[in-house]
């Protein structure tokens, strides 16, 4: 396996492309928007510059990584002759089903199709193709170049050979793969999102303020960042989407999103990406200033 296509040049897509390219793979980064591709490659270059400045890689390593990446706005051109496609588009079920149906039609029958979804059913995605045995979840963590974990999610029909191939590939990337089965939220988000949601409920019920909740979890539970800060970092719209997937999948009220989260997303307060969530990021990307709404 040498040739990889990554669909989506956003935060996760460019991070996945970065990791593959840095490990010597030929990567076709695909996005419908030329500007998104330019931003994605610029992000990769900036992250590589940071690694050079920390002396974790050389300037030659950086140039080699960038030379391993080609960009495409035409999906059919981008997936020609690739061994693996990793889809990292928006966390939207209809969009992913559409992408995988198209990929099934335009890639070689032997090509493995992976999705970076953090919650959507691999079995459902695979059912939109004629190769469900070759569809698998490859859930990287953000930021991809730094975080070691990759959740490898087997759909109902995913073959053992494909699972082993992707597990071994993840090790080649310097990651630690963990095999899990296909149920809503998998492992990471099935545990993480209820914690984030409960933190929002705690704020919503007036038990404590934003910084107080985050401080308790950082100092009391040794979390590197508090759950409300983490929600801002992930994107409150993404958190809401994942909770809705789990609520729909389990029909259990414990996964129902907090009304405060729903209202914040409706108001466009999505966290770091919109400049405001539980914290105000207008002056700094660090969670140093609580949003005026919660003061």
Protein backbone atom coordinates (compact mmCIF):
# COMPACT_ATOMS: atom_id res chain seq x y z
CA UNK A 1 0.00 0.00 0.00
CA UNK A 2 1.64 3.20 -1.21
CA UNK A 3 -0.93 5.52 -2.79
CA UNK A 4 -3.51 7.20 -0.56
CA UNK A 5 -6.36 9.61 -1.28
CA UNK A 6 -7.78 11.84 1.45
CA UNK A 7 -11.14 13.50 0.87
CA UNK A 8 -11.56 16.82 2.65
CA UNK A 9 -8.83 19.40 3.28
CA UNK A 10 -10.20 20.68 6.59
CA UNK A 11 -8.68 20.19 10.03
CA UNK A 12 -8.91 16.40 10.05
CA UNK A 13 -8.26 15.88 6.35
CA UNK A 14 -5.09 17.94 6.18
CA UNK A 15 -3.87 16.32 9.40
CA UNK A 16 -4.41 12.84 7.97
CA UNK A 17 -2.70 13.83 4.71
CA UNK A 18 0.22 15.24 6.74
CA UNK A 19 0.75 12.01 8.66
CA UNK A 20 0.62 9.77 5.58
CA UNK A 21 2.92 12.04 3.58
CA UNK A 22 5.41 12.34 6.43
CA UNK A 23 5.63 8.55 6.51
CA UNK A 24 6.51 8.27 2.84
CA UNK A 25 3.10 7.66 1.24
CA UNK A 26 1.98 9.39 -1.95
CA UNK A 27 -1.06 11.41 -0.94
CA UNK A 28 -3.77 12.90 -3.13
CA UNK A 29 -5.59 15.54 -1.08
CA UNK A 30 -9.05 16.12 -2.55
CA UNK A 31 -11.50 18.96 -1.91
CA UNK A 32 -14.10 20.64 -4.10
CA UNK A 33 -12.70 24.05 -3.08
CA UNK A 34 -9.33 25.21 -4.36
CA UNK A 35 -9.14 27.68 -1.47
CA UNK A 36 -9.69 24.87 1.05
CA UNK A 37 -6.85 22.94 -0.56
CA UNK A 38 -4.57 25.97 -0.35
CA UNK A 39 -5.47 26.47 3.32
CA UNK A 40 -4.95 22.78 4.01
CA UNK A 41 -1.49 22.67 2.44
CA UNK A 42 -0.57 25.91 4.21
CA UNK A 43 -1.60 24.37 7.54
CA UNK A 44 0.52 21.28 6.84
CA UNK A 45 3.49 23.48 5.92
CA UNK A 46 3.08 25.58 9.08
CA UNK A 47 2.87 22.48 11.26
CA UNK A 48 5.99 21.09 9.61
CA UNK A 49 7.79 24.41 10.22
CA UNK A 50 6.93 24.08 13.89
CA UNK A 51 8.41 20.57 13.91
CA UNK A 52 11.58 21.85 12.22
CA UNK A 53 11.92 24.63 14.82
CA UNK A 54 11.60 22.02 17.58
CA UNK A 55 14.21 19.90 15.76
CA UNK A 56 11.90 16.88 15.61
CA UNK A 57 12.32 16.81 11.82
CA UNK A 58 14.78 18.39 9.38
CA UNK A 59 14.14 20.91 6.60
CA UNK A 60 14.74 18.04 4.17
CA UNK A 61 12.03 15.99 5.93
CA UNK A 62 9.63 18.90 5.58
CA UNK A 63 10.29 19.31 1.86
CA UNK A 64 9.98 15.57 1.28
CA UNK A 65 6.62 15.51 3.08
CA UNK A 66 5.23 18.39 1.02
CA UNK A 67 6.51 16.79 -2.20
CA UNK A 68 4.50 13.67 -1.34
CA UNK A 69 1.22 15.64 -1.47
CA UNK A 70 -0.73 16.42 -4.64
CA UNK A 71 -4.02 18.34 -4.63
CA UNK A 72 -7.18 17.71 -6.65
CA UNK A 73 -10.60 19.32 -7.00
CA UNK A 74 -11.76 16.45 -9.25
CA UNK A 75 -12.52 13.41 -7.09
CA UNK A 76 -12.35 10.95 -9.98
CA UNK A 77 -8.85 12.15 -10.90
CA UNK A 78 -7.74 12.15 -7.27
CA UNK A 79 -8.71 8.55 -6.55
CA UNK A 80 -7.20 6.99 -9.67
CA UNK A 81 -4.90 4.08 -8.87
CA UNK A 82 -5.01 4.56 -5.08
CA UNK A 83 -4.89 1.67 -2.61
CA UNK A 84 -6.87 3.43 0.12
CA UNK A 85 -9.28 6.35 0.32
CA UNK A 86 -9.76 8.06 3.70
CA UNK A 87 -12.88 10.23 3.76
CA UNK A 88 -12.69 13.19 6.15
CA UNK A 89 -15.63 15.32 5.03
CA UNK A 90 -18.18 17.04 7.27
CA UNK A 91 -19.89 14.81 9.87
CA UNK A 92 -23.11 14.52 7.91
CA UNK A 93 -24.70 11.15 7.16
CA UNK A 94 -26.29 12.04 3.82
CA UNK A 95 -23.05 13.60 2.57
CA UNK A 96 -20.99 10.57 3.55
CA UNK A 97 -23.43 8.15 1.92
CA UNK A 98 -23.25 10.20 -1.28
CA UNK A 99 -19.43 10.26 -1.21
CA UNK A 100 -19.12 6.51 -0.64
CA UNK A 101 -21.63 5.69 -3.37
CA UNK A 102 -19.53 7.78 -5.75
CA UNK A 103 -16.25 6.28 -4.54
CA UNK A 104 -17.60 2.79 -5.10
CA UNK A 105 -18.30 3.69 -8.73
CA UNK A 106 -15.00 5.42 -9.55
CA UNK A 107 -12.32 3.47 -7.65
CA UNK A 108 -10.79 0.09 -8.35
CA UNK A 109 -12.81 -2.79 -6.81
CA UNK A 110 -9.77 -3.62 -4.69
CA UNK A 111 -9.48 -0.14 -3.15
CA UNK A 112 -10.23 0.01 0.59
CA UNK A 113 -12.64 2.78 1.54
CA UNK A 114 -12.18 4.23 5.03
CA UNK A 115 -14.08 6.96 6.85
CA UNK A 116 -12.84 9.22 9.61
CA UNK A 117 -16.36 9.53 11.03
CA UNK A 118 -16.46 9.86 14.80
CA UNK A 119 -20.00 8.53 15.24
CA UNK A 120 -21.86 7.54 12.06
CA UNK A 121 -22.50 3.84 11.44
CA UNK A 122 -19.82 2.14 9.34
CA UNK A 123 -22.38 -0.52 8.42
CA UNK A 124 -24.76 2.13 7.09
CA UNK A 125 -21.99 3.81 5.08
CA UNK A 126 -20.82 0.44 3.73
CA UNK A 127 -24.37 -0.40 2.60
CA UNK A 128 -24.18 2.46 0.08
CA UNK A 129 -21.42 0.54 -1.75
CA UNK A 130 -21.06 -2.81 -3.48
CA UNK A 131 -17.98 -3.64 -1.38
CA UNK A 132 -19.10 -3.56 2.28
CA UNK A 133 -16.26 -5.97 3.13
CA UNK A 134 -13.76 -3.25 2.13
CA UNK A 135 -15.33 -0.36 4.09
CA UNK A 136 -13.92 0.46 7.52
CA UNK A 137 -13.77 3.25 10.09
CA UNK A 138 -10.41 4.94 10.66
CA UNK A 139 -11.15 7.53 13.35
CA UNK A 140 -8.10 9.72 13.91
CA UNK A 141 -7.93 12.11 16.86
CA UNK A 142 -7.38 15.86 16.61
CA UNK A 143 -4.66 17.14 16.18
CA UNK A 144 -3.81 14.21 13.93
CA UNK A 145 0.00 14.70 13.71
CA UNK A 146 0.26 14.62 17.53
CA UNK A 147 -2.43 12.28 18.85
CA UNK A 148 -1.45 8.60 18.83
CA UNK A 149 -4.86 6.91 18.94
CA UNK A 150 -6.75 5.66 15.89
CA UNK A 151 -10.09 3.93 16.47
CA UNK A 152 -10.44 1.19 13.87
CA UNK A 153 -14.15 0.44 13.50
CA UNK A 154 -15.36 -2.76 11.86
CA UNK A 155 -18.69 -2.60 10.09
CA UNK A 156 -20.99 -5.61 10.13
CA UNK A 157 -19.43 -6.90 6.89
CA UNK A 158 -15.85 -5.58 7.14
CA UNK A 159 -13.46 -8.44 6.37
CA UNK A 160 -10.81 -9.61 8.81
CA UNK A 161 -8.16 -9.07 6.12
CA UNK A 162 -9.14 -5.44 5.61
CA UNK A 163 -9.21 -4.89 9.38
CA UNK A 164 -5.72 -6.36 9.76
CA UNK A 165 -4.43 -4.29 6.83
CA UNK A 166 -5.69 -1.04 8.36
CA UNK A 167 -4.48 -1.97 11.86
CA UNK A 168 -0.99 -2.68 10.47
CA UNK A 169 -1.06 0.49 8.38
CA UNK A 170 -1.88 2.58 11.46
CA UNK A 171 1.17 1.15 13.24
CA UNK A 172 3.28 2.10 10.19
CA UNK A 173 2.06 5.68 10.69
CA UNK A 174 3.37 5.63 14.26
CA UNK A 175 -0.15 5.42 15.68
CA UNK A 176 -1.72 3.08 18.22
CA UNK A 177 -4.78 1.42 16.62
CA UNK A 178 -7.61 0.10 18.78
CA UNK A 179 -10.18 -2.20 17.17
CA UNK A 180 -13.80 -1.52 18.14
CA UNK A 181 -17.21 -2.65 16.91
CA UNK A 182 -19.77 -0.54 15.09
CA UNK A 183 -22.18 0.98 17.59
CA UNK A 184 -23.18 4.67 17.89
CA UNK A 185 -20.28 6.80 19.14
CA UNK A 186 -17.93 3.79 19.04
CA UNK A 187 -15.78 4.00 22.23
CA UNK A 188 -14.21 7.47 22.26
CA UNK A 189 -17.35 9.52 21.75
CA UNK A 190 -19.69 7.15 23.56
CA UNK A 191 -17.74 8.02 26.71
CA UNK A 192 -16.52 11.54 25.89
CA UNK A 193 -19.71 13.16 24.60
CA UNK A 194 -21.93 12.31 27.60
CA UNK A 195 -19.22 13.82 29.81
CA UNK A 196 -19.18 17.01 27.73
CA UNK A 197 -22.97 17.08 27.66
CA UNK A 198 -23.15 16.62 31.44
CA UNK A 199 -20.65 19.47 31.86
CA UNK A 200 -22.94 21.70 29.79
CA UNK A 201 -25.92 20.56 31.88
CA UNK A 202 -23.95 21.45 35.03
CA UNK A 203 -23.41 24.96 33.65
CA UNK A 204 -27.04 25.16 32.41
CA UNK A 205 -28.33 24.24 35.89
CA UNK A 206 -26.20 26.92 37.56
CA UNK A 207 -24.09 24.51 39.62
CA UNK A 208 -20.87 26.31 38.68
CA UNK A 209 -19.37 28.63 36.07
CA UNK A 210 -17.38 27.82 32.93
CA UNK A 211 -13.91 28.16 34.43
CA UNK A 212 -14.93 26.46 37.65
CA UNK A 213 -16.22 23.37 35.84
CA UNK A 214 -13.11 23.16 33.66
CA UNK A 215 -10.80 23.69 36.64
CA UNK A 216 -12.42 20.85 38.60
CA UNK A 217 -11.88 18.44 35.73
CA UNK A 218 -8.33 19.61 35.01
CA UNK A 219 -7.05 19.64 38.57
CA UNK A 220 -9.27 16.93 40.04
CA UNK A 221 -9.28 14.43 37.17
CA UNK A 222 -5.93 15.31 35.52
CA UNK A 223 -7.57 16.15 32.18
CA UNK A 224 -5.27 18.28 29.97
CA UNK A 225 -8.16 20.63 29.21
CA UNK A 226 -11.58 21.08 30.72
CA UNK A 227 -14.67 19.60 29.01
CA UNK A 228 -16.13 22.97 28.04
CA UNK A 229 -12.84 24.10 26.52
CA UNK A 230 -12.60 20.75 24.75
CA UNK A 231 -16.13 21.17 23.38
CA UNK A 232 -15.12 24.56 21.97
CA UNK A 233 -12.03 22.96 20.43
CA UNK A 234 -14.01 20.12 18.82
CA UNK A 235 -16.78 22.46 17.67
CA UNK A 236 -20.15 22.67 19.40
CA UNK A 237 -21.92 21.80 16.16
CA UNK A 238 -19.87 18.60 15.92
CA UNK A 239 -20.65 17.74 19.56
CA UNK A 240 -24.36 18.27 18.89
CA UNK A 241 -24.23 16.13 15.76
CA UNK A 242 -22.53 13.24 17.58
CA UNK A 243 -24.98 13.39 20.49
CA UNK A 244 -27.89 13.34 18.05
CA UNK A 245 -26.44 10.27 16.30
CA UNK A 246 -26.12 8.47 19.65
CA UNK A 247 -29.59 9.57 20.81
CA UNK A 248 -31.12 8.37 17.54
CA UNK A 249 -29.14 5.14 17.67
CA UNK A 250 -29.84 4.15 21.28
CA UNK A 251 -33.14 5.98 21.92
CA UNK A 252 -31.81 6.56 25.44
CA UNK A 253 -32.50 9.98 27.03
CA UNK A 254 -29.05 10.05 28.64
CA UNK A 255 -27.65 10.94 25.19
CA UNK A 256 -30.15 13.77 24.55
CA UNK A 257 -28.20 17.02 23.98
CA UNK A 258 -28.55 19.76 26.59
CA UNK A 259 -30.89 22.60 25.48
CA UNK A 260 -28.06 25.07 26.10
CA UNK A 261 -25.86 23.27 23.56
CA UNK A 262 -28.71 23.25 21.03
CA UNK A 263 -29.30 26.99 21.46
CA UNK A 264 -25.59 27.85 21.20
CA UNK A 265 -25.32 25.99 17.90
CA UNK A 266 -28.47 27.70 16.61
CA UNK A 267 -26.93 31.04 17.56
CA UNK A 268 -23.72 30.24 15.68
CA UNK A 269 -21.61 30.10 18.83
CA UNK A 270 -19.60 27.06 17.76
CA UNK A 271 -16.39 27.49 19.74
CA UNK A 272 -12.91 28.23 18.43
CA UNK A 273 -13.92 28.09 14.75
CA UNK A 274 -16.57 30.81 15.14
CA UNK A 275 -14.56 32.89 17.63
CA UNK A 276 -16.89 32.25 20.56
CA UNK A 277 -18.38 29.35 22.47
CA UNK A 278 -18.03 28.90 26.20
CA UNK A 279 -14.93 31.07 25.86
CA UNK A 280 -14.20 34.19 23.80
CA UNK A 281 -11.47 33.61 21.18
CA UNK A 282 -11.54 37.06 19.57
CA UNK A 283 -8.12 37.95 21.00
CA UNK A 284 -6.55 34.55 21.60
CA UNK A 285 -7.09 30.94 20.54
CA UNK A 286 -6.41 29.95 24.13
CA UNK A 287 -9.36 29.57 26.49
CA UNK A 288 -8.40 32.53 28.69
CA UNK A 289 -11.53 34.66 28.57
CA UNK A 290 -15.00 33.33 29.36
CA UNK A 291 -17.69 34.36 26.88
CA UNK A 292 -19.60 37.46 28.00
CA UNK A 293 -22.82 35.41 27.92
CA UNK A 294 -21.54 33.28 30.82
CA UNK A 295 -20.00 36.05 32.94
